[in-house]
Amino acid sequence: MEINVARDFSETPNARYRNEGPNSGEAFREEILEPKYLEARKKGEKLIINLDGGYGYPTSFLEEAFGGLARKHGSKDVSNTLEFISEDEPSLIQEILEYIKGSR
C-alpha cells in the first residue's frame, strides 16, 4: 500500500491548517493519510509514503500531517506502520520521524 503525496494529493503541499490555504497538512491527514493508515493497520501492512515528485514540503505541513497522526494514534503505532521513501530529499525522512517521535 502506498501514497505518493505529489500524485495522490498535491505537488505543492502548503500550510498546516485548512483555513490557511489549499493543500494543507490537515487536509492531507484527514482525507488521505489517516484513511490509508487505518486500512494498512487493519491489514497488518506497511503504508509506504513516497515524498518524491513535489516542489518541497513546509515544516508546518509535515508536522500537522505526520505529527498530527501520531498524536491521534500514538507515535509507536504510527512509526511501526508508516515507511517513508524519498530519492529527491532523503533528509525529509528523518525530519518526519522526529515529528512522529515528538508527538507524545
Protein backbone atom coordinates (compact mmCIF):
# COMPACT_ATOMS: atom_id res chain seq x y z
CA MET A 1 0.00 0.00 0.00
CA GLU A 2 1.45 3.38 -0.98
CA ILE A 3 0.70 7.07 -1.00
CA ASN A 4 2.62 9.28 -3.39
CA VAL A 5 1.98 12.73 -1.93
CA ALA A 6 2.57 14.59 -5.21
CA ARG A 7 0.37 12.27 -7.26
CA ASP A 8 -2.34 11.49 -4.72
CA PHE A 9 -2.63 14.89 -3.04
CA SER A 10 -0.63 17.83 -4.39
CA GLU A 11 2.73 18.72 -5.92
CA THR A 12 2.62 21.86 -3.79
CA PRO A 13 1.82 20.99 -0.16
CA ASN A 14 1.08 24.13 1.76
CA ALA A 15 0.18 25.27 5.26
CA ARG A 16 -0.71 23.46 8.47
CA TYR A 17 -4.46 24.06 8.60
CA ARG A 18 -7.24 24.18 6.00
CA ASN A 19 -8.14 27.76 6.93
CA GLU A 20 -4.59 28.86 5.98
CA GLY A 21 -4.94 27.85 2.35
CA PRO A 22 -5.23 24.93 -0.06
CA ASN A 23 -3.27 21.67 0.17
CA SER A 24 -2.83 21.81 3.94
CA GLY A 25 -1.31 19.18 6.17
CA GLU A 26 -4.63 18.93 7.97
CA ALA A 27 -6.47 18.16 4.72
CA PHE A 28 -3.85 15.60 3.68
CA ARG A 29 -4.00 13.86 7.05
CA GLU A 30 -7.79 13.74 7.23
CA GLU A 31 -8.58 12.94 3.58
CA ILE A 32 -5.73 10.66 2.51
CA LEU A 33 -3.19 9.73 5.18
CA GLU A 34 -5.43 8.65 8.06
CA PRO A 35 -7.84 6.50 6.00
CA LYS A 36 -4.92 4.68 4.33
CA TYR A 37 -3.11 4.38 7.67
CA LEU A 38 -6.16 2.76 9.28
CA GLU A 39 -6.56 0.41 6.31
CA ALA A 40 -2.89 -0.62 6.49
CA ARG A 41 -3.09 -1.21 10.24
CA LYS A 42 -6.22 -3.31 9.83
CA LYS A 43 -4.49 -5.45 7.19
CA GLY A 44 -1.23 -5.61 9.15
CA GLU A 45 0.66 -4.00 6.26
CA LYS A 46 3.16 -1.18 5.93
CA LEU A 47 1.98 2.06 4.37
CA ILE A 48 4.70 3.47 2.12
CA ILE A 49 4.79 7.26 1.91
CA ASN A 50 6.57 8.40 -1.24
CA LEU A 51 7.67 12.00 -0.84
CA ASP A 52 9.14 12.44 -4.34
CA GLY A 53 7.75 14.49 -7.20
CA GLY A 54 6.66 17.60 -5.36
CA TYR A 55 8.05 21.10 -5.02
CA GLY A 56 9.04 20.96 -1.37
CA TYR A 57 7.36 20.44 1.98
CA PRO A 58 6.76 23.20 4.52
CA THR A 59 7.61 22.19 8.06
CA SER A 60 4.08 23.07 9.19
CA PHE A 61 2.58 20.70 6.59
CA LEU A 62 4.78 17.79 7.66
CA GLU A 63 4.27 18.32 11.37
CA GLU A 64 0.50 18.60 11.07
CA ALA A 65 0.16 15.60 8.77
CA PHE A 66 2.51 13.14 10.44
CA GLY A 67 2.85 14.58 13.94
CA GLY A 68 -0.92 15.04 14.00
CA LEU A 69 -1.45 11.40 13.01
CA ALA A 70 0.89 10.30 15.79
CA ARG A 71 -0.86 12.49 18.35
CA LYS A 72 -4.13 10.82 17.47
CA HIS A 73 -2.96 7.21 17.10
CA GLY A 74 0.25 7.04 19.12
CA SER A 75 3.79 7.52 17.91
CA LYS A 76 4.72 3.85 18.28
CA ASP A 77 1.82 2.59 16.13
CA VAL A 78 2.42 5.25 13.50
CA SER A 79 6.18 4.52 13.43
CA ASN A 80 5.51 0.81 13.04
CA THR A 81 3.00 1.28 10.21
CA LEU A 82 4.50 4.06 8.06
CA GLU A 83 7.59 3.73 5.91
CA PHE A 84 8.98 6.72 4.04
CA ILE A 85 10.90 6.91 0.79
CA SER A 86 12.49 9.90 -0.93
CA GLU A 87 15.17 9.97 -3.57
CA ASP A 88 14.66 13.73 -4.06
CA GLU A 89 15.03 14.82 -0.42
CA PRO A 90 16.11 11.94 1.84
CA SER A 91 16.63 14.34 4.76
CA LEU A 92 12.84 14.76 4.93
CA ILE A 93 12.52 11.26 6.30
CA GLN A 94 14.47 11.99 9.49
CA GLU A 95 12.59 15.27 9.92
CA ILE A 96 9.23 13.48 9.71
CA LEU A 97 10.35 10.75 12.11
CA GLU A 98 11.24 13.46 14.63
CA TYR A 99 7.73 14.94 14.33
CA ILE A 100 6.24 11.50 14.92
CA LYS A 101 8.52 10.79 17.86
CA GLY A 102 7.94 14.24 19.38
CA SER A 103 4.18 13.92 19.31
CA ARG A 104 3.91 12.05 22.59
